[in-house]
Amino acid sequence: MQPATRLNFTLKYSMPIPVFFFEEDIAFKPTKKTALRQWINQTIIAEGCTLSEVNYIFCSDAYLIGLNQQFLDHDTYTDIITFDNSEIKGSITGDIFISIDRIRENAQTFGVEMAHELRRVMIHGVLHLLGYKDKTKKDKTLMTQKEDFYLALW
C-alpha cells in the first residue's frame, strides 16, 4: 500500500480593487476597467495612501452643471467634480463625477484620443482626493506635473 500523497497547492486570493464605474443620464462604459483599477490603485499607493473606495460616475454636461450649481455654487461647465468622502487620513474614499460631453470636446480641442483625455481627468480626480489642489498657478503646475507623471505610467 502506497503512502498517501500530500497535495501541495497555494490558494491565490486577492480582493477586488474597490474602484467602481457608474453612469448617470448617459450610456457610457469605460474600456480596460481592470487596467484602470490597477493604475488608479498604484497611483494612490505611490502617493503613500491606501484605497478604500473610489466611484466614478460618468454623466452629461447638464447633469454635472446641476451638481456644480447645487454643491459648489458655480454656474459653469466643468469636466469633473470630486467629492472627498475620506474619514481616515491616508485612506482614500470619494465620488468622482465626469462629464463625457466635456471629455469628448476637450479631446478634440487638445488633439488627443478620447481615452487619453478620460484617463487624464480620472487621475486628476484621484489627485484631488490625495490632497492636490488646482486653484493657484503654483498648484495647477504641480497638478499638471503629477497628471503627466501618472499618465506616462499608463
N, C-alpha and C. Protein backbone atom coordinates (compact mmCIF):
# COMPACT_ATOMS: atom_id res chain seq x y z
N MET A 1 0.84 -1.17 0.00
CA MET A 1 0.00 0.00 0.00
C MET A 1 0.89 1.24 0.00
N GLN A 2 0.61 2.12 -0.88
CA GLN A 2 1.38 3.35 -1.02
C GLN A 2 0.94 4.38 0.03
N PRO A 3 1.90 5.14 0.57
CA PRO A 3 1.51 6.21 1.49
C PRO A 3 0.72 7.28 0.72
N ALA A 4 -0.18 7.92 1.42
CA ALA A 4 -0.99 8.99 0.79
C ALA A 4 -0.08 10.11 0.33
N THR A 5 -0.36 10.58 -0.86
CA THR A 5 0.41 11.71 -1.39
C THR A 5 -0.24 13.01 -0.92
N ARG A 6 0.59 13.87 -0.44
CA ARG A 6 0.09 15.16 0.04
C ARG A 6 -0.02 16.12 -1.14
N LEU A 7 -1.16 16.72 -1.25
CA LEU A 7 -1.35 17.72 -2.30
C LEU A 7 -0.71 19.03 -1.86
N ASN A 8 0.05 19.57 -2.74
CA ASN A 8 0.72 20.83 -2.42
C ASN A 8 0.22 21.89 -3.39
N PHE A 9 -0.55 22.80 -2.89
CA PHE A 9 -1.03 23.87 -3.74
C PHE A 9 -1.19 25.14 -2.92
N THR A 10 -1.22 26.24 -3.61
CA THR A 10 -1.37 27.53 -2.97
C THR A 10 -2.65 28.17 -3.48
N LEU A 11 -3.46 28.61 -2.58
CA LEU A 11 -4.66 29.36 -2.96
C LEU A 11 -4.25 30.81 -3.17
N LYS A 12 -4.62 31.32 -4.31
CA LYS A 12 -4.33 32.71 -4.56
C LYS A 12 -5.64 33.47 -4.45
N TYR A 13 -5.71 34.31 -3.47
CA TYR A 13 -6.93 35.07 -3.24
C TYR A 13 -6.56 36.53 -3.16
N SER A 14 -7.22 37.32 -3.93
CA SER A 14 -6.98 38.75 -3.83
C SER A 14 -8.31 39.47 -3.86
N MET A 15 -8.40 40.47 -3.08
CA MET A 15 -9.61 41.28 -3.02
C MET A 15 -9.71 42.11 -4.29
N PRO A 16 -10.91 42.30 -4.80
CA PRO A 16 -11.06 43.18 -5.95
C PRO A 16 -10.68 44.61 -5.57
N ILE A 17 -10.13 45.31 -6.51
CA ILE A 17 -9.76 46.71 -6.26
C ILE A 17 -11.04 47.54 -6.23
N PRO A 18 -11.29 48.26 -5.14
CA PRO A 18 -12.56 48.96 -4.97
C PRO A 18 -12.67 50.28 -5.76
N VAL A 19 -12.62 50.16 -7.06
CA VAL A 19 -12.86 51.28 -7.97
C VAL A 19 -14.05 50.85 -8.82
N PHE A 20 -15.09 51.68 -8.78
CA PHE A 20 -16.34 51.31 -9.43
C PHE A 20 -16.74 52.35 -10.47
N PHE A 21 -17.47 51.91 -11.47
CA PHE A 21 -17.86 52.77 -12.59
C PHE A 21 -19.39 52.75 -12.74
N PHE A 22 -19.97 53.95 -12.75
CA PHE A 22 -21.41 54.12 -12.87
C PHE A 22 -21.71 55.14 -13.95
N GLU A 23 -22.96 55.21 -14.34
CA GLU A 23 -23.37 56.22 -15.32
C GLU A 23 -24.67 56.85 -14.86
N GLU A 24 -24.79 58.14 -15.10
CA GLU A 24 -25.99 58.91 -14.80
C GLU A 24 -26.41 59.61 -16.08
N ASP A 25 -27.58 59.46 -16.51
CA ASP A 25 -28.24 60.13 -17.64
C ASP A 25 -27.56 59.96 -19.00
N ILE A 26 -26.58 59.08 -19.08
CA ILE A 26 -25.94 58.77 -20.36
C ILE A 26 -25.58 57.29 -20.39
N ALA A 27 -25.29 56.79 -21.56
CA ALA A 27 -24.81 55.41 -21.68
C ALA A 27 -23.32 55.49 -22.00
N PHE A 28 -22.50 55.17 -21.02
CA PHE A 28 -21.05 55.19 -21.23
C PHE A 28 -20.41 54.17 -20.31
N LYS A 29 -19.54 53.36 -20.88
CA LYS A 29 -18.76 52.39 -20.11
C LYS A 29 -17.30 52.50 -20.54
N PRO A 30 -16.41 52.76 -19.61
CA PRO A 30 -15.00 52.83 -19.98
C PRO A 30 -14.48 51.46 -20.39
N THR A 31 -13.47 51.46 -21.23
CA THR A 31 -12.82 50.21 -21.61
C THR A 31 -11.64 49.97 -20.67
N LYS A 32 -11.14 48.76 -20.67
CA LYS A 32 -9.96 48.38 -19.88
C LYS A 32 -10.15 48.67 -18.38
N LYS A 33 -11.30 48.27 -17.86
CA LYS A 33 -11.62 48.57 -16.46
C LYS A 33 -10.61 47.99 -15.48
N THR A 34 -10.15 46.77 -15.72
CA THR A 34 -9.18 46.16 -14.80
C THR A 34 -7.88 46.95 -14.79
N ALA A 35 -7.41 47.33 -15.96
CA ALA A 35 -6.18 48.13 -16.05
C ALA A 35 -6.37 49.49 -15.39
N LEU A 36 -7.53 50.10 -15.57
CA LEU A 36 -7.81 51.39 -14.93
C LEU A 36 -7.78 51.24 -13.41
N ARG A 37 -8.42 50.20 -12.91
CA ARG A 37 -8.43 49.98 -11.45
C ARG A 37 -7.01 49.82 -10.91
N GLN A 38 -6.21 49.02 -11.59
CA GLN A 38 -4.82 48.80 -11.13
C GLN A 38 -4.02 50.09 -11.17
N TRP A 39 -4.18 50.85 -12.25
CA TRP A 39 -3.44 52.11 -12.41
C TRP A 39 -3.83 53.11 -11.33
N ILE A 40 -5.12 53.23 -11.04
CA ILE A 40 -5.60 54.15 -10.01
C ILE A 40 -5.08 53.71 -8.64
N ASN A 41 -5.16 52.42 -8.36
CA ASN A 41 -4.66 51.91 -7.08
C ASN A 41 -3.16 52.14 -6.93
N GLN A 42 -2.40 51.89 -7.98
CA GLN A 42 -0.96 52.11 -7.93
C GLN A 42 -0.61 53.58 -7.73
N THR A 43 -1.39 54.46 -8.32
CA THR A 43 -1.18 55.90 -8.12
C THR A 43 -1.37 56.26 -6.66
N ILE A 44 -2.44 55.77 -6.07
CA ILE A 44 -2.73 56.06 -4.66
C ILE A 44 -1.63 55.50 -3.76
N ILE A 45 -1.19 54.29 -4.04
CA ILE A 45 -0.11 53.68 -3.26
C ILE A 45 1.18 54.48 -3.41
N ALA A 46 1.49 54.90 -4.63
CA ALA A 46 2.72 55.67 -4.88
C ALA A 46 2.72 57.00 -4.12
N GLU A 47 1.53 57.52 -3.84
CA GLU A 47 1.42 58.78 -3.09
C GLU A 47 1.35 58.54 -1.58
N GLY A 48 1.57 57.29 -1.16
CA GLY A 48 1.65 56.98 0.27
C GLY A 48 0.31 56.78 0.96
N CYS A 49 -0.73 56.49 0.19
CA CYS A 49 -2.06 56.29 0.77
C CYS A 49 -2.58 54.91 0.41
N THR A 50 -3.75 54.58 0.95
CA THR A 50 -4.42 53.33 0.61
C THR A 50 -5.78 53.65 0.01
N LEU A 51 -6.25 52.77 -0.82
CA LEU A 51 -7.54 52.92 -1.48
C LEU A 51 -8.62 52.24 -0.66
N SER A 52 -9.60 53.02 -0.25
CA SER A 52 -10.77 52.46 0.43
C SER A 52 -11.87 52.23 -0.61
N GLU A 53 -12.27 53.30 -1.33
CA GLU A 53 -13.25 53.15 -2.41
C GLU A 53 -13.31 54.43 -3.22
N VAL A 54 -13.29 54.26 -4.54
CA VAL A 54 -13.48 55.39 -5.45
C VAL A 54 -14.55 55.00 -6.45
N ASN A 55 -15.54 55.87 -6.57
CA ASN A 55 -16.62 55.68 -7.52
C ASN A 55 -16.52 56.74 -8.61
N TYR A 56 -16.49 56.28 -9.84
CA TYR A 56 -16.53 57.18 -10.99
C TYR A 56 -17.95 57.17 -11.52
N ILE A 57 -18.54 58.35 -11.65
CA ILE A 57 -19.88 58.47 -12.19
C ILE A 57 -19.77 59.29 -13.46
N PHE A 58 -20.05 58.65 -14.59
CA PHE A 58 -19.98 59.31 -15.89
C PHE A 58 -21.35 59.90 -16.20
N CYS A 59 -21.35 61.15 -16.67
CA CYS A 59 -22.61 61.85 -16.86
C CYS A 59 -22.49 62.86 -18.00
N SER A 60 -23.56 63.62 -18.21
CA SER A 60 -23.59 64.65 -19.26
C SER A 60 -23.21 66.01 -18.67
N ASP A 61 -23.02 66.98 -19.56
CA ASP A 61 -22.79 68.36 -19.13
C ASP A 61 -23.95 68.85 -18.27
N ALA A 62 -25.18 68.56 -18.71
CA ALA A 62 -26.37 69.04 -18.00
C ALA A 62 -26.39 68.51 -16.56
N TYR A 63 -26.07 67.25 -16.39
CA TYR A 63 -26.06 66.65 -15.05
C TYR A 63 -24.97 67.29 -14.19
N LEU A 64 -23.79 67.44 -14.76
CA LEU A 64 -22.65 67.96 -13.98
C LEU A 64 -22.82 69.43 -13.63
N ILE A 65 -23.38 70.22 -14.54
CA ILE A 65 -23.58 71.64 -14.20
C ILE A 65 -24.61 71.77 -13.08
N GLY A 66 -25.58 70.85 -13.05
CA GLY A 66 -26.53 70.84 -11.93
C GLY A 66 -25.83 70.59 -10.60
N LEU A 67 -24.90 69.64 -10.57
CA LEU A 67 -24.12 69.40 -9.35
C LEU A 67 -23.25 70.60 -9.02
N ASN A 68 -22.66 71.19 -10.04
CA ASN A 68 -21.80 72.36 -9.84
C ASN A 68 -22.57 73.50 -9.20
N GLN A 69 -23.79 73.73 -9.66
CA GLN A 69 -24.63 74.78 -9.11
C GLN A 69 -25.09 74.43 -7.69
N GLN A 70 -25.51 73.19 -7.51
CA GLN A 70 -26.07 72.77 -6.23
C GLN A 70 -25.03 72.72 -5.10
N PHE A 71 -23.87 72.15 -5.38
CA PHE A 71 -22.90 71.91 -4.32
C PHE A 71 -21.76 72.92 -4.25
N LEU A 72 -21.41 73.53 -5.38
CA LEU A 72 -20.26 74.44 -5.40
C LEU A 72 -20.64 75.88 -5.71
N ASP A 73 -21.91 76.11 -5.99
CA ASP A 73 -22.42 77.44 -6.31
C ASP A 73 -21.69 78.05 -7.51
N HIS A 74 -21.32 77.19 -8.47
CA HIS A 74 -20.69 77.63 -9.72
C HIS A 74 -21.67 77.40 -10.85
N ASP A 75 -21.78 78.37 -11.74
CA ASP A 75 -22.70 78.24 -12.88
C ASP A 75 -21.90 78.10 -14.17
N THR A 76 -20.96 77.15 -14.18
CA THR A 76 -20.11 76.95 -15.35
C THR A 76 -19.98 75.46 -15.63
N TYR A 77 -19.71 75.16 -16.89
CA TYR A 77 -19.43 73.78 -17.26
C TYR A 77 -18.06 73.39 -16.72
N THR A 78 -17.93 72.13 -16.41
CA THR A 78 -16.65 71.59 -15.95
C THR A 78 -16.56 70.15 -16.41
N ASP A 79 -15.35 69.63 -16.44
CA ASP A 79 -15.20 68.23 -16.84
C ASP A 79 -15.29 67.27 -15.66
N ILE A 80 -15.09 67.79 -14.45
CA ILE A 80 -15.03 66.90 -13.29
C ILE A 80 -15.42 67.63 -12.02
N ILE A 81 -16.09 66.91 -11.14
CA ILE A 81 -16.31 67.35 -9.76
C ILE A 81 -15.97 66.16 -8.88
N THR A 82 -15.14 66.42 -7.88
CA THR A 82 -14.68 65.37 -6.98
C THR A 82 -15.21 65.63 -5.57
N PHE A 83 -15.82 64.62 -4.99
CA PHE A 83 -16.29 64.69 -3.61
C PHE A 83 -15.43 63.76 -2.77
N ASP A 84 -14.69 64.35 -1.83
CA ASP A 84 -13.83 63.59 -0.94
C ASP A 84 -14.66 63.11 0.24
N ASN A 85 -14.85 61.82 0.35
CA ASN A 85 -15.62 61.23 1.45
C ASN A 85 -14.73 60.52 2.46
N SER A 86 -13.44 60.78 2.39
CA SER A 86 -12.49 60.11 3.27
C SER A 86 -12.74 60.52 4.72
N GLU A 87 -12.72 59.54 5.59
CA GLU A 87 -12.89 59.80 7.02
C GLU A 87 -11.61 59.53 7.80
N ILE A 88 -10.72 58.76 7.20
CA ILE A 88 -9.46 58.43 7.85
C ILE A 88 -8.33 58.97 6.98
N LYS A 89 -7.44 59.73 7.59
CA LYS A 89 -6.32 60.29 6.84
C LYS A 89 -5.50 59.17 6.19
N GLY A 90 -5.24 59.35 4.90
CA GLY A 90 -4.44 58.38 4.17
C GLY A 90 -5.24 57.24 3.56
N SER A 91 -6.53 57.16 3.87
CA SER A 91 -7.41 56.14 3.30
C SER A 91 -8.38 56.85 2.36
N ILE A 92 -8.22 56.61 1.07
CA ILE A 92 -8.92 57.38 0.04
C ILE A 92 -10.31 56.81 -0.25
N THR A 93 -11.30 57.68 -0.10
CA THR A 93 -12.69 57.36 -0.40
C THR A 93 -13.31 58.58 -1.09
N GLY A 94 -13.94 58.36 -2.24
CA GLY A 94 -14.56 59.51 -2.88
C GLY A 94 -15.42 59.15 -4.07
N ASP A 95 -16.17 60.15 -4.51
CA ASP A 95 -17.01 60.06 -5.69
C ASP A 95 -16.51 61.09 -6.70
N ILE A 96 -16.27 60.63 -7.92
CA ILE A 96 -15.74 61.49 -8.97
C ILE A 96 -16.73 61.49 -10.13
N PHE A 97 -17.34 62.65 -10.36
CA PHE A 97 -18.30 62.82 -11.45
C PHE A 97 -17.57 63.40 -12.66
N ILE A 98 -17.74 62.78 -13.81
CA ILE A 98 -17.04 63.20 -15.03
C ILE A 98 -18.04 63.39 -16.16
N SER A 99 -17.99 64.57 -16.79
CA SER A 99 -18.83 64.84 -17.94
C SER A 99 -18.19 64.27 -19.20
N ILE A 100 -18.86 63.30 -19.79
CA ILE A 100 -18.36 62.69 -21.03
C ILE A 100 -18.45 63.71 -22.17
N ASP A 101 -19.42 64.63 -22.12
CA ASP A 101 -19.50 65.70 -23.12
C ASP A 101 -18.22 66.54 -23.12
N ARG A 102 -17.76 66.91 -21.92
CA ARG A 102 -16.53 67.72 -21.79
C ARG A 102 -15.31 66.92 -22.24
N ILE A 103 -15.29 65.63 -21.90
CA ILE A 103 -14.15 64.78 -22.28
C ILE A 103 -14.03 64.75 -23.80
N ARG A 104 -15.15 64.53 -24.48
CA ARG A 104 -15.13 64.49 -25.95
C ARG A 104 -14.66 65.82 -26.53
N GLU A 105 -15.20 66.91 -26.01
CA GLU A 105 -14.83 68.23 -26.53
C GLU A 105 -13.37 68.55 -26.23
N ASN A 106 -12.92 68.27 -25.02
CA ASN A 106 -11.52 68.52 -24.66
C ASN A 106 -10.57 67.69 -25.51
N ALA A 107 -10.91 66.45 -25.76
CA ALA A 107 -10.06 65.59 -26.58
C ALA A 107 -9.90 66.19 -27.97
N GLN A 108 -10.99 66.67 -28.52
CA GLN A 108 -10.93 67.29 -29.85
C GLN A 108 -10.12 68.59 -29.80
N THR A 109 -10.35 69.41 -28.79
CA THR A 109 -9.63 70.69 -28.64
C THR A 109 -8.13 70.47 -28.50
N PHE A 110 -7.74 69.48 -27.70
CA PHE A 110 -6.32 69.24 -27.43
C PHE A 110 -5.68 68.26 -28.41
N GLY A 111 -6.47 67.72 -29.32
CA GLY A 111 -5.94 66.81 -30.34
C GLY A 111 -5.43 65.50 -29.78
N VAL A 112 -6.15 64.96 -28.79
CA VAL A 112 -5.76 63.68 -28.20
C VAL A 112 -6.92 62.70 -28.32
N GLU A 113 -6.62 61.42 -28.15
CA GLU A 113 -7.66 60.40 -28.14
C GLU A 113 -8.57 60.61 -26.93
N MET A 114 -9.83 60.29 -27.10
CA MET A 114 -10.78 60.43 -26.00
C MET A 114 -10.35 59.61 -24.79
N ALA A 115 -9.84 58.41 -25.03
CA ALA A 115 -9.40 57.55 -23.92
C ALA A 115 -8.28 58.20 -23.12
N HIS A 116 -7.38 58.90 -23.80
CA HIS A 116 -6.29 59.60 -23.10
C HIS A 116 -6.85 60.74 -22.24
N GLU A 117 -7.75 61.52 -22.82
CA GLU A 117 -8.34 62.63 -22.07
C GLU A 117 -9.13 62.11 -20.88
N LEU A 118 -9.84 61.01 -21.06
CA LEU A 118 -10.59 60.43 -19.96
C LEU A 118 -9.64 60.02 -18.83
N ARG A 119 -8.55 59.36 -19.16
CA ARG A 119 -7.57 58.97 -18.13
C ARG A 119 -6.99 60.20 -17.43
N ARG A 120 -6.73 61.28 -18.19
CA ARG A 120 -6.20 62.50 -17.57
C ARG A 120 -7.17 63.03 -16.53
N VAL A 121 -8.43 63.09 -16.88
CA VAL A 121 -9.43 63.62 -15.96
C VAL A 121 -9.66 62.66 -14.79
N MET A 122 -9.63 61.37 -15.06
CA MET A 122 -9.78 60.40 -13.98
C MET A 122 -8.67 60.52 -12.95
N ILE A 123 -7.44 60.66 -13.40
CA ILE A 123 -6.32 60.76 -12.46
C ILE A 123 -6.32 62.12 -11.78
N HIS A 124 -6.82 63.13 -12.48
CA HIS A 124 -6.98 64.46 -11.88
C HIS A 124 -7.88 64.36 -10.64
N GLY A 125 -8.99 63.64 -10.78
CA GLY A 125 -9.88 63.46 -9.64
C GLY A 125 -9.22 62.72 -8.49
N VAL A 126 -8.45 61.70 -8.80
CA VAL A 126 -7.72 60.96 -7.76
C VAL A 126 -6.72 61.87 -7.07
N LEU A 127 -6.04 62.70 -7.84
CA LEU A 127 -5.08 63.64 -7.24
C LEU A 127 -5.77 64.61 -6.29
N HIS A 128 -6.99 65.04 -6.63
CA HIS A 128 -7.76 65.87 -5.69
C HIS A 128 -8.03 65.09 -4.40
N LEU A 129 -8.42 63.83 -4.52
CA LEU A 129 -8.66 63.02 -3.33
C LEU A 129 -7.39 62.86 -2.50
N LEU A 130 -6.25 62.89 -3.16
CA LEU A 130 -4.96 62.78 -2.46
C LEU A 130 -4.50 64.11 -1.86
N GLY A 131 -5.28 65.16 -2.09
CA GLY A 131 -4.97 66.45 -1.46
C GLY A 131 -4.40 67.51 -2.37
N TYR A 132 -4.18 67.19 -3.63
CA TYR A 132 -3.64 68.19 -4.56
C TYR A 132 -4.74 69.16 -4.98
N LYS A 133 -4.36 70.42 -5.09
CA LYS A 133 -5.29 71.49 -5.47
C LYS A 133 -4.92 72.03 -6.84
N ASP A 134 -5.80 72.87 -7.39
CA ASP A 134 -5.50 73.48 -8.69
C ASP A 134 -6.08 74.89 -8.82
N LYS A 135 -6.18 75.59 -7.71
CA LYS A 135 -6.76 76.94 -7.74
C LYS A 135 -5.72 78.02 -8.05
N THR A 136 -4.48 77.83 -7.60
CA THR A 136 -3.44 78.82 -7.88
C THR A 136 -2.57 78.33 -9.03
N LYS A 137 -1.79 79.25 -9.58
CA LYS A 137 -0.89 78.88 -10.69
C LYS A 137 0.12 77.82 -10.23
N LYS A 138 0.66 77.99 -9.03
CA LYS A 138 1.63 77.03 -8.49
C LYS A 138 0.98 75.66 -8.30
N ASP A 139 -0.24 75.66 -7.75
CA ASP A 139 -0.95 74.39 -7.55
C ASP A 139 -1.27 73.71 -8.89
N LYS A 140 -1.69 74.51 -9.87
CA LYS A 140 -2.01 73.96 -11.20
C LYS A 140 -0.79 73.33 -11.84
N THR A 141 0.36 73.99 -11.67
CA THR A 141 1.60 73.46 -12.24
C THR A 141 1.93 72.10 -11.64
N LEU A 142 1.85 72.01 -10.32
CA LEU A 142 2.14 70.74 -9.65
C LEU A 142 1.12 69.67 -10.06
N MET A 143 -0.16 70.05 -10.13
CA MET A 143 -1.21 69.11 -10.53
C MET A 143 -0.93 68.57 -11.93
N THR A 144 -0.57 69.44 -12.86
CA THR A 144 -0.28 69.03 -14.23
C THR A 144 0.94 68.11 -14.28
N GLN A 145 1.96 68.43 -13.48
CA GLN A 145 3.14 67.56 -13.43
C GLN A 145 2.78 66.16 -12.93
N LYS A 146 1.96 66.11 -11.89
CA LYS A 146 1.52 64.82 -11.35
C LYS A 146 0.67 64.06 -12.38
N GLU A 147 -0.25 64.76 -13.04
CA GLU A 147 -1.06 64.12 -14.09
C GLU A 147 -0.15 63.52 -15.16
N ASP A 148 0.78 64.32 -15.64
CA ASP A 148 1.68 63.86 -16.70
C ASP A 148 2.51 62.66 -16.24
N PHE A 149 2.98 62.71 -15.01
CA PHE A 149 3.77 61.61 -14.47
C PHE A 149 2.97 60.30 -14.46
N TYR A 150 1.76 60.35 -13.90
CA TYR A 150 0.96 59.13 -13.81
C TYR A 150 0.39 58.69 -15.16
N LEU A 151 0.11 59.63 -16.03
CA LEU A 151 -0.32 59.25 -17.38
C LEU A 151 0.79 58.49 -18.11
N ALA A 152 2.03 58.89 -17.87
CA ALA A 152 3.17 58.22 -18.51
C ALA A 152 3.31 56.77 -18.03
N LEU A 153 2.79 56.47 -16.85
CA LEU A 153 2.85 55.12 -16.31
C LEU A 153 1.77 54.21 -16.89
N TRP A 154 0.81 54.81 -17.56
CA TRP A 154 -0.27 54.01 -18.18
C TRP A 154 0.33 53.11 -19.22
